[in-house]
């Protein structure tokens, strides 16, 4: 009995170090809702602003895409884009990965992992860049259209609380 108690205690205490750090809660929550593509996420409205794109037809790694919105950080003086939101009908993750790798000699996909952010299952694609810094992209399907959340370089921690709230409508 004593050995069982010791073994359970060891397992209990060892498990405490295995948890991921909590994503900070969003203060002054505003919701970005996109009824066209059927998803939403929360953001801190005192710092950030979701801006619809005026020039929606854009190139995304050489692919024609719909840049339908940007999320900007207004707390840094000048507005700074921290995430661009694209849509491409009929695009697969493989199409996207090939486009990233064809966009320049230093742009290589380092990893692709299925993850769940908030309540949506998506593909996390991490690529290298000309600057040598990793870039994060999150892809998910909405009725045959691939949505790409393209995170600005070194803004993963900034965007993490928002991605933790993403959900379908």
N, C-alpha and C. Protein backbone atom coordinates (compact mmCIF):
# COMPACT_ATOMS: atom_id res chain seq x y z
N UNK A 1 0.83 -1.19 0.00
CA UNK A 1 0.00 0.00 0.00
C UNK A 1 0.87 1.25 0.00
N UNK A 2 1.96 1.21 0.77
CA UNK A 2 2.86 2.36 0.85
C UNK A 2 3.49 2.64 -0.51
N UNK A 3 3.86 1.56 -1.23
CA UNK A 3 4.47 1.73 -2.55
C UNK A 3 3.47 2.33 -3.53
N UNK A 4 2.21 1.93 -3.45
CA UNK A 4 1.19 2.48 -4.32
C UNK A 4 0.99 3.96 -4.05
N UNK A 5 0.98 4.35 -2.79
CA UNK A 5 0.83 5.76 -2.41
C UNK A 5 2.00 6.59 -2.93
N UNK A 6 3.21 6.06 -2.82
CA UNK A 6 4.41 6.76 -3.31
C UNK A 6 4.34 6.90 -4.84
N UNK A 7 3.98 5.83 -5.53
CA UNK A 7 3.89 5.86 -6.99
C UNK A 7 2.85 6.88 -7.46
N UNK A 8 1.69 6.91 -6.82
CA UNK A 8 0.65 7.88 -7.18
C UNK A 8 1.10 9.31 -6.91
N UNK A 9 1.82 9.51 -5.81
CA UNK A 9 2.32 10.84 -5.49
C UNK A 9 3.32 11.33 -6.54
N UNK A 10 4.19 10.45 -6.97
CA UNK A 10 5.18 10.80 -7.99
C UNK A 10 4.48 11.17 -9.29
N UNK A 11 3.49 10.36 -9.71
CA UNK A 11 2.76 10.65 -10.94
C UNK A 11 2.00 11.96 -10.83
N UNK A 12 1.41 12.22 -9.68
CA UNK A 12 0.66 13.45 -9.48
C UNK A 12 1.57 14.67 -9.58
N UNK A 13 2.69 14.66 -8.89
CA UNK A 13 3.60 15.80 -8.91
C UNK A 13 4.31 15.94 -10.24
N UNK A 14 4.62 14.85 -10.90
CA UNK A 14 5.28 14.92 -12.21
C UNK A 14 4.36 15.53 -13.25
N UNK A 15 3.07 15.30 -13.13
CA UNK A 15 2.11 15.83 -14.08
C UNK A 15 1.96 17.33 -14.02
N UNK A 16 2.29 17.97 -12.89
CA UNK A 16 2.13 19.41 -12.77
C UNK A 16 3.02 20.18 -13.73
N UNK A 17 4.17 19.66 -14.09
CA UNK A 17 5.07 20.35 -15.00
C UNK A 17 4.73 20.17 -16.46
N UNK A 18 3.68 19.39 -16.76
CA UNK A 18 3.37 19.06 -18.15
C UNK A 18 2.34 19.98 -18.79
N UNK A 19 1.82 20.90 -18.06
CA UNK A 19 0.79 21.76 -18.63
C UNK A 19 1.41 22.90 -19.43
N UNK A 20 0.71 23.31 -20.48
CA UNK A 20 1.15 24.45 -21.27
C UNK A 20 0.82 25.73 -20.53
N UNK A 21 1.61 26.78 -20.73
CA UNK A 21 1.27 28.04 -20.08
C UNK A 21 -0.07 28.56 -20.60
N UNK A 22 -0.83 29.17 -19.73
CA UNK A 22 -2.14 29.67 -20.11
C UNK A 22 -2.01 30.87 -21.04
N UNK A 23 -2.91 30.94 -22.02
CA UNK A 23 -2.97 32.10 -22.91
C UNK A 23 -3.65 33.22 -22.12
N UNK A 24 -3.06 34.41 -22.09
CA UNK A 24 -3.66 35.49 -21.31
C UNK A 24 -5.07 35.83 -21.79
N UNK A 25 -5.91 36.22 -20.85
CA UNK A 25 -7.28 36.60 -21.19
C UNK A 25 -7.27 37.91 -21.96
N UNK A 26 -8.27 38.09 -22.80
CA UNK A 26 -8.39 39.31 -23.60
C UNK A 26 -9.12 40.36 -22.78
N UNK A 27 -8.51 41.51 -22.67
CA UNK A 27 -9.12 42.65 -21.99
C UNK A 27 -9.93 43.45 -23.01
N UNK A 28 -10.96 44.17 -22.58
CA UNK A 28 -11.75 45.05 -23.46
C UNK A 28 -12.15 44.33 -24.76
N UNK A 29 -12.75 43.16 -24.61
CA UNK A 29 -13.01 42.29 -25.76
C UNK A 29 -14.00 42.89 -26.76
N UNK A 30 -13.57 42.88 -28.00
CA UNK A 30 -14.42 43.14 -29.17
C UNK A 30 -14.40 41.86 -29.97
N UNK A 31 -15.45 41.62 -30.73
CA UNK A 31 -15.48 40.43 -31.58
C UNK A 31 -15.36 40.83 -33.04
N UNK A 32 -14.45 40.16 -33.75
CA UNK A 32 -14.41 40.26 -35.20
C UNK A 32 -15.30 39.13 -35.70
N UNK A 33 -16.33 39.46 -36.44
CA UNK A 33 -17.24 38.46 -36.99
C UNK A 33 -17.24 38.59 -38.50
N UNK A 34 -16.99 37.47 -39.17
CA UNK A 34 -17.01 37.47 -40.62
C UNK A 34 -18.12 36.53 -41.07
N UNK A 35 -19.25 37.10 -41.45
CA UNK A 35 -20.38 36.28 -41.88
C UNK A 35 -20.17 35.70 -43.27
N UNK A 36 -19.34 36.35 -44.09
CA UNK A 36 -19.05 35.84 -45.44
C UNK A 36 -18.38 34.47 -45.37
N UNK A 37 -17.44 34.32 -44.43
CA UNK A 37 -16.70 33.07 -44.32
C UNK A 37 -17.06 32.28 -43.05
N UNK A 38 -17.92 32.81 -42.20
CA UNK A 38 -18.48 32.05 -41.08
C UNK A 38 -17.55 31.77 -39.93
N UNK A 39 -16.83 32.78 -39.45
CA UNK A 39 -16.01 32.59 -38.25
C UNK A 39 -15.89 33.91 -37.51
N UNK A 40 -15.42 33.81 -36.27
CA UNK A 40 -15.24 34.99 -35.42
C UNK A 40 -14.10 34.74 -34.45
N UNK A 41 -13.55 35.82 -33.92
CA UNK A 41 -12.57 35.74 -32.83
C UNK A 41 -12.66 37.03 -32.04
N UNK A 42 -12.16 37.00 -30.82
CA UNK A 42 -12.16 38.17 -29.95
C UNK A 42 -10.79 38.84 -29.96
N UNK A 43 -10.79 40.14 -29.75
CA UNK A 43 -9.54 40.89 -29.66
C UNK A 43 -9.74 42.05 -28.69
N UNK A 44 -8.65 42.58 -28.19
CA UNK A 44 -8.68 43.70 -27.24
C UNK A 44 -8.90 44.99 -28.02
N UNK A 45 -10.11 45.51 -27.96
CA UNK A 45 -10.48 46.70 -28.74
C UNK A 45 -9.77 47.97 -28.32
N UNK A 46 -9.14 47.98 -27.14
CA UNK A 46 -8.41 49.18 -26.74
C UNK A 46 -7.03 49.23 -27.39
N UNK A 47 -6.55 48.10 -27.93
CA UNK A 47 -5.23 48.06 -28.55
C UNK A 47 -5.28 47.75 -30.05
N UNK A 48 -6.24 46.94 -30.44
CA UNK A 48 -6.26 46.40 -31.79
C UNK A 48 -7.51 46.83 -32.54
N UNK A 49 -7.43 46.76 -33.87
CA UNK A 49 -8.55 47.14 -34.71
C UNK A 49 -8.60 46.17 -35.90
N UNK A 50 -9.76 45.57 -36.13
CA UNK A 50 -9.96 44.74 -37.31
C UNK A 50 -10.44 45.64 -38.43
N UNK A 51 -9.71 45.64 -39.53
CA UNK A 51 -9.96 46.57 -40.63
C UNK A 51 -10.30 45.80 -41.90
N UNK A 52 -11.48 46.05 -42.48
CA UNK A 52 -11.78 45.40 -43.76
C UNK A 52 -10.85 45.95 -44.84
N UNK A 53 -10.44 45.09 -45.73
CA UNK A 53 -9.53 45.51 -46.81
C UNK A 53 -10.31 46.22 -47.90
N UNK A 54 -9.74 47.29 -48.41
CA UNK A 54 -10.35 48.03 -49.51
C UNK A 54 -9.93 47.38 -50.83
N UNK A 55 -8.65 47.04 -50.95
CA UNK A 55 -8.13 46.40 -52.16
C UNK A 55 -8.05 44.90 -51.90
N UNK A 56 -9.14 44.19 -52.12
CA UNK A 56 -9.22 42.79 -51.73
C UNK A 56 -8.44 41.86 -52.64
N UNK A 57 -8.29 42.17 -53.92
CA UNK A 57 -7.56 41.29 -54.83
C UNK A 57 -6.06 41.50 -54.61
N UNK A 58 -5.41 40.51 -54.03
CA UNK A 58 -4.00 40.61 -53.68
C UNK A 58 -3.28 39.33 -54.10
N UNK A 59 -1.97 39.41 -54.11
CA UNK A 59 -1.14 38.22 -54.31
C UNK A 59 -0.70 37.72 -52.94
N UNK A 60 -0.78 36.43 -52.75
CA UNK A 60 -0.33 35.78 -51.52
C UNK A 60 0.64 34.69 -51.98
N UNK A 61 1.94 34.96 -51.83
CA UNK A 61 2.97 34.04 -52.31
C UNK A 61 2.75 33.68 -53.78
N UNK A 62 2.39 34.66 -54.58
CA UNK A 62 2.19 34.46 -56.01
C UNK A 62 0.80 33.96 -56.38
N UNK A 63 -0.01 33.60 -55.42
CA UNK A 63 -1.37 33.12 -55.69
C UNK A 63 -2.35 34.30 -55.64
N UNK A 64 -3.31 34.32 -56.56
CA UNK A 64 -4.38 35.31 -56.47
C UNK A 64 -5.21 34.97 -55.24
N UNK A 65 -5.45 35.96 -54.39
CA UNK A 65 -6.19 35.72 -53.15
C UNK A 65 -7.03 36.93 -52.80
N UNK A 66 -7.94 36.72 -51.89
CA UNK A 66 -8.83 37.75 -51.39
C UNK A 66 -8.32 38.17 -50.01
N UNK A 67 -7.66 39.33 -49.94
CA UNK A 67 -7.23 39.89 -48.65
C UNK A 67 -8.45 40.62 -48.09
N UNK A 68 -9.22 39.93 -47.24
CA UNK A 68 -10.49 40.51 -46.82
C UNK A 68 -10.42 41.32 -45.54
N UNK A 69 -9.33 41.19 -44.76
CA UNK A 69 -9.21 41.99 -43.54
C UNK A 69 -7.79 41.95 -43.01
N UNK A 70 -7.50 42.90 -42.14
CA UNK A 70 -6.23 42.95 -41.41
C UNK A 70 -6.55 43.24 -39.96
N UNK A 71 -5.71 42.76 -39.08
CA UNK A 71 -5.81 43.12 -37.67
C UNK A 71 -4.61 43.99 -37.36
N UNK A 72 -4.88 45.19 -36.85
CA UNK A 72 -3.82 46.17 -36.60
C UNK A 72 -3.65 46.43 -35.12
N UNK A 73 -2.41 46.66 -34.74
CA UNK A 73 -2.08 47.09 -33.38
C UNK A 73 -1.96 48.61 -33.41
N UNK A 74 -2.85 49.30 -32.72
CA UNK A 74 -2.84 50.76 -32.68
C UNK A 74 -2.09 51.31 -31.48
N UNK A 75 -1.54 50.44 -30.63
CA UNK A 75 -0.89 50.90 -29.41
C UNK A 75 0.59 51.22 -29.60
N UNK A 76 1.11 51.09 -30.81
CA UNK A 76 2.54 51.30 -31.07
C UNK A 76 2.83 52.64 -31.74
N UNK A 77 1.91 53.55 -31.69
CA UNK A 77 2.10 54.82 -32.38
C UNK A 77 1.39 54.79 -33.70
N UNK A 78 2.05 54.31 -34.74
CA UNK A 78 1.41 54.14 -36.05
C UNK A 78 0.76 52.76 -36.09
N UNK A 79 -0.40 52.63 -36.74
CA UNK A 79 -1.02 51.31 -36.85
C UNK A 79 -0.06 50.31 -37.50
N UNK A 80 0.01 49.12 -36.93
CA UNK A 80 0.95 48.09 -37.37
C UNK A 80 0.16 46.81 -37.60
N UNK A 81 0.20 46.27 -38.82
CA UNK A 81 -0.50 45.01 -39.11
C UNK A 81 0.15 43.86 -38.36
N UNK A 82 -0.66 43.12 -37.62
CA UNK A 82 -0.15 41.94 -36.91
C UNK A 82 -0.68 40.65 -37.53
N UNK A 83 -1.75 40.76 -38.34
CA UNK A 83 -2.29 39.58 -39.00
C UNK A 83 -3.09 40.02 -40.22
N UNK A 84 -2.84 39.35 -41.34
CA UNK A 84 -3.65 39.54 -42.55
C UNK A 84 -4.52 38.31 -42.73
N UNK A 85 -5.75 38.52 -43.17
CA UNK A 85 -6.71 37.45 -43.35
C UNK A 85 -7.04 37.32 -44.84
N UNK A 86 -6.71 36.17 -45.40
CA UNK A 86 -6.90 35.91 -46.82
C UNK A 86 -7.90 34.78 -47.02
N UNK A 87 -8.49 34.74 -48.21
CA UNK A 87 -9.35 33.63 -48.61
C UNK A 87 -8.98 33.23 -50.04
N UNK A 88 -9.02 31.92 -50.29
CA UNK A 88 -8.73 31.40 -51.64
C UNK A 88 -9.60 30.18 -51.86
N UNK A 89 -10.56 30.30 -52.75
CA UNK A 89 -11.47 29.19 -53.05
C UNK A 89 -10.71 28.04 -53.71
N UNK A 90 -10.97 26.82 -53.22
CA UNK A 90 -10.41 25.62 -53.82
C UNK A 90 -8.94 25.36 -53.55
N UNK A 91 -8.28 26.17 -52.76
CA UNK A 91 -6.86 25.97 -52.47
C UNK A 91 -6.69 24.90 -51.39
N UNK A 92 -5.71 24.05 -51.57
CA UNK A 92 -5.37 23.05 -50.56
C UNK A 92 -4.15 23.52 -49.78
N UNK A 93 -3.90 22.87 -48.65
CA UNK A 93 -2.69 23.18 -47.88
C UNK A 93 -1.45 22.91 -48.73
N UNK A 94 -1.48 21.87 -49.55
CA UNK A 94 -0.37 21.56 -50.43
C UNK A 94 -0.11 22.67 -51.45
N UNK A 95 -1.19 23.24 -52.00
CA UNK A 95 -1.05 24.37 -52.92
C UNK A 95 -0.35 25.54 -52.22
N UNK A 96 -0.78 25.80 -51.00
CA UNK A 96 -0.21 26.92 -50.24
C UNK A 96 1.27 26.68 -49.95
N UNK A 97 1.61 25.48 -49.53
CA UNK A 97 2.99 25.15 -49.19
C UNK A 97 3.89 25.28 -50.43
N UNK A 98 3.40 24.79 -51.57
CA UNK A 98 4.19 24.92 -52.81
C UNK A 98 4.39 26.38 -53.17
N UNK A 99 3.36 27.21 -52.98
CA UNK A 99 3.47 28.64 -53.29
C UNK A 99 4.48 29.33 -52.37
N UNK A 100 4.45 29.00 -51.07
CA UNK A 100 5.42 29.58 -50.13
C UNK A 100 6.83 29.23 -50.58
N UNK A 101 7.07 27.97 -50.89
CA UNK A 101 8.42 27.51 -51.24
C UNK A 101 8.88 28.05 -52.59
N UNK A 102 7.95 28.36 -53.48
CA UNK A 102 8.32 28.90 -54.79
C UNK A 102 8.51 30.41 -54.75
N UNK A 103 8.19 31.05 -53.62
CA UNK A 103 8.22 32.51 -53.56
C UNK A 103 9.61 33.11 -53.32
N UNK A 104 10.57 32.29 -53.01
CA UNK A 104 11.92 32.82 -52.82
C UNK A 104 12.86 31.75 -52.31
N UNK A 105 14.16 31.91 -52.55
CA UNK A 105 15.11 30.86 -52.17
C UNK A 105 15.20 30.62 -50.66
N UNK A 106 14.85 31.61 -49.85
CA UNK A 106 14.93 31.45 -48.40
C UNK A 106 13.60 31.09 -47.76
N UNK A 107 12.55 30.98 -48.56
CA UNK A 107 11.22 30.68 -48.03
C UNK A 107 10.96 29.18 -48.14
N UNK A 108 11.17 28.49 -47.06
CA UNK A 108 10.95 27.04 -47.01
C UNK A 108 9.99 26.72 -45.87
N UNK A 109 9.13 25.76 -46.10
CA UNK A 109 8.23 25.32 -45.04
C UNK A 109 9.02 24.45 -44.09
N UNK A 110 9.06 24.87 -42.82
CA UNK A 110 9.80 24.16 -41.79
C UNK A 110 8.95 23.11 -41.10
N UNK A 111 7.64 23.39 -40.99
CA UNK A 111 6.74 22.42 -40.37
C UNK A 111 5.31 22.69 -40.80
N UNK A 112 4.53 21.65 -40.75
CA UNK A 112 3.09 21.74 -40.97
C UNK A 112 2.43 20.79 -39.98
N UNK A 113 1.59 21.33 -39.15
CA UNK A 113 1.01 20.57 -38.05
C UNK A 113 -0.47 20.87 -37.94
N UNK A 114 -1.29 19.83 -37.79
CA UNK A 114 -2.71 20.06 -37.51
C UNK A 114 -2.84 20.47 -36.06
N UNK A 115 -3.55 21.57 -35.83
CA UNK A 115 -3.75 22.09 -34.47
C UNK A 115 -5.21 22.52 -34.33
N UNK A 116 -5.63 22.67 -33.10
CA UNK A 116 -6.93 23.27 -32.83
C UNK A 116 -6.67 24.58 -32.11
N UNK A 117 -7.17 25.64 -32.70
CA UNK A 117 -7.10 26.97 -32.09
C UNK A 117 -8.54 27.35 -31.80
N UNK A 118 -8.79 27.75 -30.57
CA UNK A 118 -10.16 28.04 -30.19
C UNK A 118 -11.01 26.82 -30.44
N UNK A 119 -11.97 26.94 -31.34
CA UNK A 119 -12.86 25.83 -31.66
C UNK A 119 -12.76 25.40 -33.12
N UNK A 120 -11.65 25.75 -33.77
CA UNK A 120 -11.49 25.41 -35.19
C UNK A 120 -10.21 24.60 -35.37
N UNK A 121 -10.35 23.49 -36.08
CA UNK A 121 -9.20 22.66 -36.46
C UNK A 121 -8.55 23.31 -37.67
N UNK A 122 -7.23 23.47 -37.64
CA UNK A 122 -6.54 24.13 -38.75
C UNK A 122 -5.14 23.57 -38.91
N UNK A 123 -4.50 23.99 -40.00
CA UNK A 123 -3.13 23.60 -40.29
C UNK A 123 -2.23 24.77 -39.94
N UNK A 124 -1.26 24.52 -39.06
CA UNK A 124 -0.25 25.52 -38.74
C UNK A 124 0.94 25.27 -39.67
N UNK A 125 1.29 26.27 -40.45
CA UNK A 125 2.42 26.18 -41.36
C UNK A 125 3.45 27.20 -40.90
N UNK A 126 4.66 26.71 -40.60
CA UNK A 126 5.75 27.59 -40.19
C UNK A 126 6.76 27.60 -41.32
N UNK A 127 7.09 28.80 -41.79
CA UNK A 127 8.04 28.91 -42.89
C UNK A 127 9.21 29.81 -42.50
N UNK A 128 10.33 29.59 -43.18
CA UNK A 128 11.47 30.49 -43.01
C UNK A 128 11.24 31.70 -43.89
N UNK A 129 12.01 32.75 -43.66
CA UNK A 129 11.87 33.99 -44.42
C UNK A 129 13.25 34.50 -44.82
N UNK A 130 13.27 35.52 -45.65
CA UNK A 130 14.54 36.14 -46.05
C UNK A 130 15.28 36.71 -44.84
N UNK A 131 14.53 37.15 -43.83
CA UNK A 131 15.17 37.73 -42.64
C UNK A 131 15.72 36.66 -41.69
N UNK A 132 15.40 35.39 -41.96
CA UNK A 132 15.86 34.31 -41.09
C UNK A 132 14.93 34.05 -39.91
N UNK A 133 13.82 34.77 -39.84
CA UNK A 133 12.85 34.63 -38.76
C UNK A 133 11.68 33.78 -39.24
N UNK A 134 11.17 32.91 -38.38
CA UNK A 134 10.04 32.08 -38.75
C UNK A 134 8.77 32.91 -38.91
N UNK A 135 7.92 32.47 -39.84
CA UNK A 135 6.62 33.11 -40.07
C UNK A 135 5.56 32.04 -39.90
N UNK A 136 4.48 32.40 -39.20
CA UNK A 136 3.39 31.47 -38.90
C UNK A 136 2.17 31.80 -39.75
N UNK A 137 1.53 30.75 -40.26
CA UNK A 137 0.33 30.85 -41.07
C UNK A 137 -0.64 29.79 -40.52
N UNK A 138 -1.91 30.12 -40.46
CA UNK A 138 -2.92 29.17 -40.01
C UNK A 138 -3.97 29.06 -41.11
N UNK A 139 -4.23 27.83 -41.57
CA UNK A 139 -5.15 27.59 -42.66
C UNK A 139 -6.32 26.74 -42.17
N UNK A 140 -7.54 27.13 -42.55
CA UNK A 140 -8.70 26.29 -42.27
C UNK A 140 -9.73 26.47 -43.38
N UNK A 141 -10.58 25.47 -43.53
CA UNK A 141 -11.56 25.46 -44.61
C UNK A 141 -12.90 25.98 -44.13
N UNK A 142 -13.52 26.82 -44.95
CA UNK A 142 -14.88 27.30 -44.72
C UNK A 142 -15.65 27.10 -46.02
N UNK A 143 -16.35 25.97 -46.12
CA UNK A 143 -17.21 25.66 -47.28
C UNK A 143 -16.46 25.72 -48.61
N UNK A 144 -15.31 25.06 -48.69
CA UNK A 144 -14.55 24.99 -49.93
C UNK A 144 -13.61 26.16 -50.17
N UNK A 145 -13.59 27.10 -49.25
CA UNK A 145 -12.66 28.23 -49.33
C UNK A 145 -11.65 28.10 -48.20
N UNK A 146 -10.38 28.18 -48.54
CA UNK A 146 -9.35 28.13 -47.52
C UNK A 146 -9.11 29.53 -46.98
N UNK A 147 -9.20 29.65 -45.66
CA UNK A 147 -8.91 30.90 -44.98
C UNK A 147 -7.47 30.79 -44.48
N UNK A 148 -6.69 31.83 -44.72
CA UNK A 148 -5.30 31.89 -44.27
C UNK A 148 -5.16 33.06 -43.31
N UNK A 149 -4.76 32.76 -42.10
CA UNK A 149 -4.41 33.80 -41.13
C UNK A 149 -2.91 33.90 -41.17
N UNK A 150 -2.41 34.94 -41.78
CA UNK A 150 -0.97 35.13 -41.96
C UNK A 150 -0.48 36.09 -40.88
N UNK A 151 0.28 35.54 -39.94
CA UNK A 151 0.74 36.30 -38.78
C UNK A 151 2.00 37.06 -39.17
N UNK A 152 2.06 38.33 -38.84
CA UNK A 152 3.27 39.11 -39.10
C UNK A 152 4.43 38.53 -38.31
N UNK A 153 5.63 38.67 -38.86
CA UNK A 153 6.83 38.10 -38.24
C UNK A 153 6.97 38.61 -36.81
N UNK A 154 7.22 37.69 -35.91
CA UNK A 154 7.43 37.90 -34.47
C UNK A 154 6.19 38.42 -33.75
N UNK A 155 5.00 38.13 -34.27
CA UNK A 155 3.76 38.55 -33.62
C UNK A 155 2.93 37.35 -33.13
N UNK A 156 3.54 36.16 -33.06
CA UNK A 156 2.81 34.97 -32.65
C UNK A 156 2.22 35.12 -31.24
N UNK A 157 3.01 35.65 -30.31
CA UNK A 157 2.52 35.82 -28.93
C UNK A 157 1.43 36.87 -28.86
N UNK A 158 1.52 37.90 -29.68
CA UNK A 158 0.49 38.94 -29.71
C UNK A 158 -0.85 38.36 -30.16
N UNK A 159 -0.82 37.50 -31.16
CA UNK A 159 -2.03 36.96 -31.77
C UNK A 159 -2.58 35.74 -31.00
N UNK A 160 -1.76 35.08 -30.20
CA UNK A 160 -2.18 33.85 -29.51
C UNK A 160 -3.49 33.99 -28.74
N UNK A 161 -3.71 35.06 -27.95
CA UNK A 161 -4.99 35.15 -27.23
C UNK A 161 -6.19 35.25 -28.17
N UNK A 162 -6.00 35.85 -29.33
CA UNK A 162 -7.10 35.98 -30.28
C UNK A 162 -7.41 34.63 -30.93
N UNK A 163 -6.35 33.90 -31.31
CA UNK A 163 -6.54 32.59 -31.91
C UNK A 163 -7.20 31.63 -30.92
N UNK A 164 -6.98 31.83 -29.65
CA UNK A 164 -7.59 30.96 -28.62
C UNK A 164 -9.10 31.13 -28.56
N UNK A 165 -9.63 32.21 -29.18
CA UNK A 165 -11.07 32.46 -29.14
C UNK A 165 -11.77 32.21 -30.47
N UNK A 166 -11.02 31.79 -31.50
CA UNK A 166 -11.62 31.64 -32.83
C UNK A 166 -12.69 30.54 -32.81
N UNK A 167 -13.76 30.81 -33.54
CA UNK A 167 -14.89 29.89 -33.55
C UNK A 167 -15.70 30.08 -34.83
N UNK A 168 -16.48 29.07 -35.17
CA UNK A 168 -17.37 29.17 -36.31
C UNK A 168 -18.63 29.93 -35.92
N UNK A 169 -19.30 30.46 -36.92
CA UNK A 169 -20.57 31.16 -36.69
C UNK A 169 -21.73 30.26 -37.08
